Amino acid sequence: MSLQEFDALIDRMKLAFEYAENLGQYVDAAKILYQMNEELPDDLQIQLEELDDPELAKSFVMRYHSNIKSAIVDYRQRLMNF
């Protein structure tokens, strides 16, 4: 995947994530985090726990959002170096 393709995909996911988070739809936001994580190479993917209880979705999003963002930045750096 090229940097431009990755950026376009992640930008759409970020918008969807922010929209869901702003509306308080944390289960949907968590699903988007899972999708973002799946777009990363295996060595950069974050080991996410299963979200079994929708009541815990907000804390799940808060816990993993910054980790996913960091992994995305790392992958972008890799793509820029190719």
Protein backbone atom coordinates (compact mmCIF):
# COMPACT_ATOMS: atom_id res chain seq x y z
CA MET A 1 0.00 0.00 0.00
CA SER A 2 1.35 3.43 -0.85
CA LEU A 3 1.51 6.30 1.61
CA GLN A 4 -1.23 8.16 -0.27
CA GLU A 5 -3.54 5.12 -0.21
CA PHE A 6 -2.88 4.55 3.48
CA ASP A 7 -3.47 8.22 4.31
CA ALA A 8 -6.75 8.30 2.37
CA LEU A 9 -8.01 5.17 4.12
CA ILE A 10 -6.93 6.27 7.59
CA ASP A 11 -8.33 9.77 7.07
CA ARG A 12 -11.77 8.30 6.31
CA MET A 13 -11.51 6.07 9.36
CA LYS A 14 -10.44 8.98 11.56
CA LEU A 15 -13.45 11.01 10.44
CA ALA A 16 -15.78 8.10 11.17
CA PHE A 17 -14.11 7.56 14.55
CA GLU A 18 -14.40 11.23 15.52
CA TYR A 19 -18.03 11.33 14.40
CA ALA A 20 -18.92 8.25 16.47
CA GLU A 21 -16.95 9.49 19.48
CA ASN A 22 -18.53 12.96 19.34
CA LEU A 23 -21.98 11.38 19.28
CA GLY A 24 -21.11 9.18 22.25
CA GLN A 25 -21.34 6.03 20.13
CA TYR A 26 -18.37 4.36 21.76
CA VAL A 27 -19.17 0.85 20.54
CA ASP A 28 -18.97 2.12 16.95
CA ALA A 29 -15.80 4.06 17.77
CA ALA A 30 -14.26 0.89 19.20
CA LYS A 31 -15.14 -1.02 16.02
CA ILE A 32 -13.36 1.63 13.97
CA LEU A 33 -10.28 1.32 16.19
CA TYR A 34 -10.28 -2.42 15.46
CA GLN A 35 -10.45 -1.66 11.74
CA MET A 36 -7.62 0.87 11.93
CA ASN A 37 -5.51 -1.64 13.80
CA GLU A 38 -6.14 -4.27 11.12
CA GLU A 39 -4.74 -1.94 8.45
CA LEU A 40 -1.37 -1.88 10.20
CA PRO A 41 1.34 -4.45 9.52
CA ASP A 42 1.42 -7.34 11.98
CA ASP A 43 4.46 -6.05 13.86
CA LEU A 44 2.77 -2.71 14.58
CA GLN A 45 -0.69 -3.98 15.46
CA ILE A 46 -1.78 -3.37 19.02
CA GLN A 47 -3.04 -6.38 20.93
CA LEU A 48 -6.58 -5.23 21.61
CA GLU A 49 -8.76 -7.02 24.10
CA GLU A 50 -12.22 -8.12 23.08
CA LEU A 51 -14.95 -5.64 23.89
CA ASP A 52 -17.50 -7.94 25.48
CA ASP A 53 -19.45 -5.36 27.45
CA PRO A 54 -20.78 -2.32 25.55
CA GLU A 55 -20.81 -0.44 28.85
CA LEU A 56 -17.00 -0.55 28.79
CA ALA A 57 -16.72 0.86 25.24
CA LYS A 58 -15.85 4.39 26.37
CA SER A 59 -12.96 3.24 28.55
CA PHE A 60 -11.81 0.90 25.74
CA VAL A 61 -11.70 3.82 23.30
CA MET A 62 -9.86 6.02 25.77
CA ARG A 63 -7.34 3.28 26.54
CA TYR A 64 -6.44 2.31 22.98
CA HIS A 65 -6.94 5.42 20.85
CA SER A 66 -3.53 6.95 21.53
CA ASN A 67 -1.78 3.59 21.01
CA ILE A 68 -3.39 3.20 17.60
CA LYS A 69 -2.50 6.77 16.68
CA SER A 70 1.14 6.13 17.57
CA ALA A 71 1.23 2.93 15.53
CA ILE A 72 -0.26 4.79 12.56
CA VAL A 73 2.46 7.44 12.81
CA ASP A 74 5.12 4.71 12.93
CA TYR A 75 3.70 3.02 9.85
CA ARG A 76 3.49 6.33 7.97
CA GLN A 77 7.19 6.87 8.73
CA ARG A 78 7.95 3.46 7.23
CA LEU A 79 5.95 4.21 4.12
CA MET A 80 7.71 7.56 3.69
CA ASN A 81 11.09 5.83 3.81
CA PHE A 82 10.24 3.47 0.94
